């Protein structure tokens, strides 16, 4: 079974939970967090959570970025958190290509 932990509710500013649809139609769970509206956005952080965890396990470590004016996009790999499918290293590289290089 997969484990999820809370965390998005502790983020300051505006937050949203949604799904990103990959090139093959797989749903990937994601978060978007923006600093408070009174702050100018300094940049955007794209978070890759690492192996054997999900995006919620790092929420407490990412809060400072949003507090300091950075927007945050965090998602779960295939087979992690609330994303569909099974873990696959080759497909993770495809996601990186889709989000960063394209």
N, C-alpha and C. Protein backbone atom coordinates (compact mmCIF):
# COMPACT_ATOMS: atom_id res chain seq x y z
N UNK A 1 0.83 -1.18 0.00
CA UNK A 1 0.00 0.00 0.00
C UNK A 1 0.88 1.24 0.00
N UNK A 2 0.32 2.34 -0.45
CA UNK A 2 1.05 3.60 -0.50
C UNK A 2 0.70 4.43 0.71
N UNK A 3 1.66 5.22 1.16
CA UNK A 3 1.44 6.07 2.32
C UNK A 3 1.47 7.52 1.91
N UNK A 4 0.56 8.30 2.45
CA UNK A 4 0.54 9.74 2.22
C UNK A 4 0.55 10.44 3.57
N UNK A 5 1.17 11.56 3.61
CA UNK A 5 1.23 12.37 4.81
C UNK A 5 0.69 13.74 4.48
N UNK A 6 0.16 14.43 5.46
CA UNK A 6 -0.36 15.77 5.21
C UNK A 6 0.80 16.75 5.08
N UNK A 7 0.50 17.95 4.69
CA UNK A 7 1.57 18.94 4.59
C UNK A 7 1.19 20.18 3.82
N UNK A 8 0.36 20.05 2.80
CA UNK A 8 0.04 21.20 1.97
C UNK A 8 -0.69 22.27 2.78
N UNK A 9 -1.51 21.84 3.74
CA UNK A 9 -2.26 22.82 4.54
C UNK A 9 -1.35 23.70 5.38
N UNK A 10 -0.11 23.29 5.58
CA UNK A 10 0.82 24.11 6.36
C UNK A 10 1.55 25.16 5.51
N UNK A 11 1.36 25.11 4.21
CA UNK A 11 2.01 26.08 3.33
C UNK A 11 1.34 27.44 3.45
N UNK A 12 2.13 28.51 3.47
CA UNK A 12 1.53 29.85 3.48
C UNK A 12 1.04 30.21 2.08
N UNK A 13 0.21 31.20 1.99
CA UNK A 13 -0.23 31.68 0.67
C UNK A 13 -1.28 30.79 0.04
N UNK A 14 -1.30 30.78 -1.28
CA UNK A 14 -2.29 30.06 -2.06
C UNK A 14 -1.79 28.67 -2.44
N UNK A 15 -2.62 27.65 -2.26
CA UNK A 15 -2.21 26.29 -2.58
C UNK A 15 -3.29 25.58 -3.38
N UNK A 16 -2.87 24.58 -4.13
CA UNK A 16 -3.81 23.79 -4.93
C UNK A 16 -3.27 22.38 -5.10
N UNK A 17 -4.16 21.40 -4.98
CA UNK A 17 -3.84 20.00 -5.28
C UNK A 17 -4.54 19.66 -6.58
N UNK A 18 -3.83 19.02 -7.51
CA UNK A 18 -4.41 18.70 -8.81
C UNK A 18 -3.65 17.52 -9.42
N UNK A 19 -4.01 17.14 -10.63
CA UNK A 19 -3.32 16.08 -11.37
C UNK A 19 -2.74 16.63 -12.66
N UNK A 20 -1.55 16.16 -12.98
CA UNK A 20 -0.91 16.43 -14.26
C UNK A 20 -1.09 15.17 -15.10
N UNK A 21 -1.50 15.32 -16.34
CA UNK A 21 -1.67 14.16 -17.21
C UNK A 21 -0.41 14.02 -18.07
N UNK A 22 0.27 12.89 -17.93
CA UNK A 22 1.51 12.66 -18.68
C UNK A 22 1.20 12.37 -20.15
N UNK A 23 2.23 12.28 -20.95
CA UNK A 23 2.08 12.05 -22.39
C UNK A 23 1.30 10.79 -22.74
N UNK A 24 1.36 9.78 -21.88
CA UNK A 24 0.63 8.54 -22.15
C UNK A 24 -0.69 8.46 -21.41
N UNK A 25 -1.11 9.58 -20.79
CA UNK A 25 -2.40 9.63 -20.13
C UNK A 25 -2.39 9.26 -18.65
N UNK A 26 -1.23 8.98 -18.08
CA UNK A 26 -1.13 8.63 -16.67
C UNK A 26 -1.33 9.87 -15.81
N UNK A 27 -2.16 9.77 -14.76
CA UNK A 27 -2.40 10.88 -13.84
C UNK A 27 -1.33 10.91 -12.77
N UNK A 28 -0.68 12.07 -12.61
CA UNK A 28 0.35 12.26 -11.59
C UNK A 28 -0.16 13.30 -10.59
N UNK A 29 -0.20 12.92 -9.31
CA UNK A 29 -0.64 13.85 -8.27
C UNK A 29 0.35 14.99 -8.13
N UNK A 30 -0.15 16.21 -7.94
CA UNK A 30 0.73 17.39 -7.88
C UNK A 30 0.18 18.44 -6.93
N UNK A 31 1.07 19.33 -6.53
CA UNK A 31 0.75 20.51 -5.72
C UNK A 31 1.29 21.75 -6.40
N UNK A 32 0.61 22.85 -6.19
CA UNK A 32 1.11 24.17 -6.57
C UNK A 32 0.93 25.06 -5.33
N UNK A 33 1.97 25.75 -4.94
CA UNK A 33 1.90 26.68 -3.82
C UNK A 33 2.54 27.99 -4.24
N UNK A 34 1.88 29.08 -3.92
CA UNK A 34 2.39 30.42 -4.23
C UNK A 34 2.54 31.20 -2.94
N UNK A 35 3.49 32.13 -2.90
CA UNK A 35 3.63 32.99 -1.72
C UNK A 35 2.38 33.84 -1.52
N UNK A 36 2.28 34.44 -0.36
CA UNK A 36 1.17 35.35 -0.10
C UNK A 36 1.09 36.42 -1.17
N UNK A 37 -0.11 36.87 -1.47
CA UNK A 37 -0.31 37.82 -2.58
C UNK A 37 0.44 39.13 -2.37
N UNK A 38 0.82 39.44 -1.16
CA UNK A 38 1.56 40.68 -0.90
C UNK A 38 3.04 40.57 -1.29
N UNK A 39 3.49 39.37 -1.63
CA UNK A 39 4.91 39.15 -1.96
C UNK A 39 5.10 39.04 -3.47
N UNK A 40 6.23 39.51 -3.95
CA UNK A 40 6.59 39.32 -5.35
C UNK A 40 7.19 37.92 -5.47
N UNK A 41 6.77 37.17 -6.49
CA UNK A 41 7.31 35.83 -6.71
C UNK A 41 8.73 35.94 -7.22
N UNK A 42 9.67 35.30 -6.51
CA UNK A 42 11.09 35.38 -6.83
C UNK A 42 11.54 34.31 -7.83
N UNK A 43 10.74 33.30 -8.04
CA UNK A 43 11.08 32.20 -8.93
C UNK A 43 10.17 31.02 -8.64
N UNK A 44 10.42 29.92 -9.32
CA UNK A 44 9.61 28.71 -9.13
C UNK A 44 10.53 27.53 -8.89
N UNK A 45 10.21 26.73 -7.89
CA UNK A 45 10.97 25.52 -7.56
C UNK A 45 10.18 24.32 -8.04
N UNK A 46 10.82 23.47 -8.83
CA UNK A 46 10.24 22.20 -9.27
C UNK A 46 10.87 21.12 -8.40
N UNK A 47 10.07 20.47 -7.56
CA UNK A 47 10.59 19.52 -6.57
C UNK A 47 10.43 18.09 -7.05
N UNK A 48 11.55 17.36 -7.06
CA UNK A 48 11.58 15.92 -7.32
C UNK A 48 11.86 15.26 -5.97
N UNK A 49 10.95 14.47 -5.45
CA UNK A 49 11.01 14.03 -4.06
C UNK A 49 12.01 12.92 -3.76
N UNK A 50 12.57 12.26 -4.71
CA UNK A 50 13.50 11.17 -4.41
C UNK A 50 12.81 9.83 -4.34
N UNK A 51 13.55 8.79 -4.09
CA UNK A 51 13.02 7.44 -4.09
C UNK A 51 12.38 7.08 -2.75
N UNK A 52 11.38 6.23 -2.80
CA UNK A 52 10.73 5.63 -1.63
C UNK A 52 9.96 6.63 -0.77
N UNK A 53 9.59 7.77 -1.31
CA UNK A 53 8.81 8.76 -0.58
C UNK A 53 7.78 9.35 -1.53
N UNK A 54 7.09 10.39 -1.11
CA UNK A 54 6.18 11.11 -1.99
C UNK A 54 6.25 12.60 -1.65
N UNK A 55 5.52 13.41 -2.38
CA UNK A 55 5.66 14.86 -2.23
C UNK A 55 5.32 15.35 -0.84
N UNK A 56 4.46 14.63 -0.13
CA UNK A 56 4.05 15.07 1.20
C UNK A 56 5.15 14.91 2.24
N UNK A 57 6.07 13.98 2.03
CA UNK A 57 7.10 13.72 3.04
C UNK A 57 8.13 14.85 3.13
N UNK A 58 8.12 15.78 2.18
CA UNK A 58 9.06 16.90 2.20
C UNK A 58 8.40 18.25 2.44
N UNK A 59 7.10 18.26 2.68
CA UNK A 59 6.37 19.53 2.82
C UNK A 59 6.98 20.42 3.89
N UNK A 60 7.34 19.86 5.03
CA UNK A 60 7.90 20.67 6.11
C UNK A 60 9.25 21.27 5.74
N UNK A 61 9.99 20.62 4.83
CA UNK A 61 11.28 21.15 4.39
C UNK A 61 11.15 22.16 3.25
N UNK A 62 9.99 22.25 2.63
CA UNK A 62 9.78 23.14 1.49
C UNK A 62 9.06 24.43 1.88
N UNK A 63 8.45 24.44 3.03
CA UNK A 63 7.66 25.60 3.48
C UNK A 63 8.44 26.91 3.43
N UNK A 64 9.72 26.87 3.84
CA UNK A 64 10.51 28.10 3.88
C UNK A 64 10.64 28.76 2.51
N UNK A 65 10.66 27.94 1.45
CA UNK A 65 10.79 28.50 0.10
C UNK A 65 9.58 29.36 -0.24
N UNK A 66 8.39 28.86 0.08
CA UNK A 66 7.17 29.61 -0.18
C UNK A 66 7.12 30.84 0.71
N UNK A 67 7.53 30.70 1.96
CA UNK A 67 7.58 31.86 2.87
C UNK A 67 8.55 32.92 2.38
N UNK A 68 9.60 32.49 1.65
CA UNK A 68 10.63 33.41 1.17
C UNK A 68 10.34 33.95 -0.23
N UNK A 69 9.15 33.64 -0.78
CA UNK A 69 8.74 34.24 -2.05
C UNK A 69 8.84 33.36 -3.28
N UNK A 70 9.12 32.08 -3.11
CA UNK A 70 9.21 31.17 -4.26
C UNK A 70 7.91 30.40 -4.43
N UNK A 71 7.47 30.24 -5.67
CA UNK A 71 6.36 29.34 -5.97
C UNK A 71 6.92 27.92 -5.97
N UNK A 72 6.07 26.95 -5.71
CA UNK A 72 6.50 25.56 -5.61
C UNK A 72 5.59 24.67 -6.44
N UNK A 73 6.20 23.85 -7.29
CA UNK A 73 5.48 22.80 -8.00
C UNK A 73 6.08 21.48 -7.55
N UNK A 74 5.28 20.64 -6.90
CA UNK A 74 5.74 19.34 -6.42
C UNK A 74 4.79 18.28 -6.98
N UNK A 75 5.33 17.16 -7.39
CA UNK A 75 4.50 16.09 -7.95
C UNK A 75 5.04 14.75 -7.49
N UNK A 76 4.21 13.73 -7.63
CA UNK A 76 4.63 12.37 -7.32
C UNK A 76 4.93 11.61 -8.60
N UNK A 77 6.01 10.85 -8.55
CA UNK A 77 6.34 9.97 -9.67
C UNK A 77 5.24 8.93 -9.84
N UNK A 78 5.25 8.26 -10.96
CA UNK A 78 4.34 7.14 -11.18
C UNK A 78 4.51 6.13 -10.05
N UNK A 79 3.39 5.68 -9.52
CA UNK A 79 3.44 4.66 -8.48
C UNK A 79 3.73 5.19 -7.08
N UNK A 80 3.85 6.48 -6.91
CA UNK A 80 4.10 7.08 -5.60
C UNK A 80 2.93 7.99 -5.24
N UNK A 81 2.67 8.13 -3.92
CA UNK A 81 1.59 9.01 -3.48
C UNK A 81 0.28 8.65 -4.16
N UNK A 82 -0.38 9.66 -4.73
CA UNK A 82 -1.65 9.40 -5.40
C UNK A 82 -1.52 9.37 -6.92
N UNK A 83 -0.32 9.16 -7.43
CA UNK A 83 -0.12 9.01 -8.88
C UNK A 83 -0.42 7.59 -9.31
N UNK A 84 -0.87 7.46 -10.53
CA UNK A 84 -1.20 6.15 -11.10
C UNK A 84 0.07 5.42 -11.55
N UNK A 85 -0.11 4.16 -11.94
CA UNK A 85 0.91 3.33 -12.56
C UNK A 85 1.88 2.76 -11.52
N UNK A 86 3.01 2.28 -11.97
CA UNK A 86 4.04 1.70 -11.11
C UNK A 86 5.35 2.44 -11.33
N UNK A 87 6.23 2.46 -10.33
CA UNK A 87 7.52 3.14 -10.50
C UNK A 87 8.28 2.59 -11.71
N UNK A 88 8.92 3.51 -12.45
CA UNK A 88 9.67 3.13 -13.64
C UNK A 88 10.71 4.22 -13.90
N UNK A 89 11.99 3.88 -13.74
CA UNK A 89 13.07 4.88 -13.86
C UNK A 89 13.11 5.53 -15.23
N UNK A 90 12.87 4.80 -16.29
CA UNK A 90 12.90 5.40 -17.62
C UNK A 90 11.80 6.43 -17.79
N UNK A 91 10.63 6.14 -17.21
CA UNK A 91 9.53 7.08 -17.32
C UNK A 91 9.76 8.33 -16.46
N UNK A 92 10.54 8.20 -15.39
CA UNK A 92 10.89 9.37 -14.59
C UNK A 92 11.72 10.34 -15.42
N UNK A 93 12.67 9.82 -16.20
CA UNK A 93 13.47 10.68 -17.06
C UNK A 93 12.61 11.36 -18.12
N UNK A 94 11.58 10.68 -18.59
CA UNK A 94 10.65 11.28 -19.54
C UNK A 94 9.91 12.45 -18.89
N UNK A 95 9.52 12.30 -17.63
CA UNK A 95 8.85 13.38 -16.90
C UNK A 95 9.78 14.58 -16.77
N UNK A 96 11.04 14.32 -16.41
CA UNK A 96 12.01 15.40 -16.28
C UNK A 96 12.14 16.14 -17.61
N UNK A 97 12.23 15.40 -18.69
CA UNK A 97 12.31 16.01 -20.02
C UNK A 97 11.06 16.86 -20.29
N UNK A 98 9.89 16.33 -19.97
CA UNK A 98 8.64 17.04 -20.24
C UNK A 98 8.52 18.32 -19.44
N UNK A 99 8.90 18.29 -18.18
CA UNK A 99 8.75 19.46 -17.31
C UNK A 99 9.83 20.51 -17.51
N UNK A 100 11.04 20.10 -17.74
CA UNK A 100 12.16 21.05 -17.74
C UNK A 100 12.62 21.42 -19.14
N UNK A 101 12.89 20.45 -19.96
CA UNK A 101 13.52 20.70 -21.26
C UNK A 101 12.51 21.20 -22.29
N UNK A 102 11.34 20.63 -22.31
CA UNK A 102 10.30 21.08 -23.24
C UNK A 102 9.86 22.42 -22.78
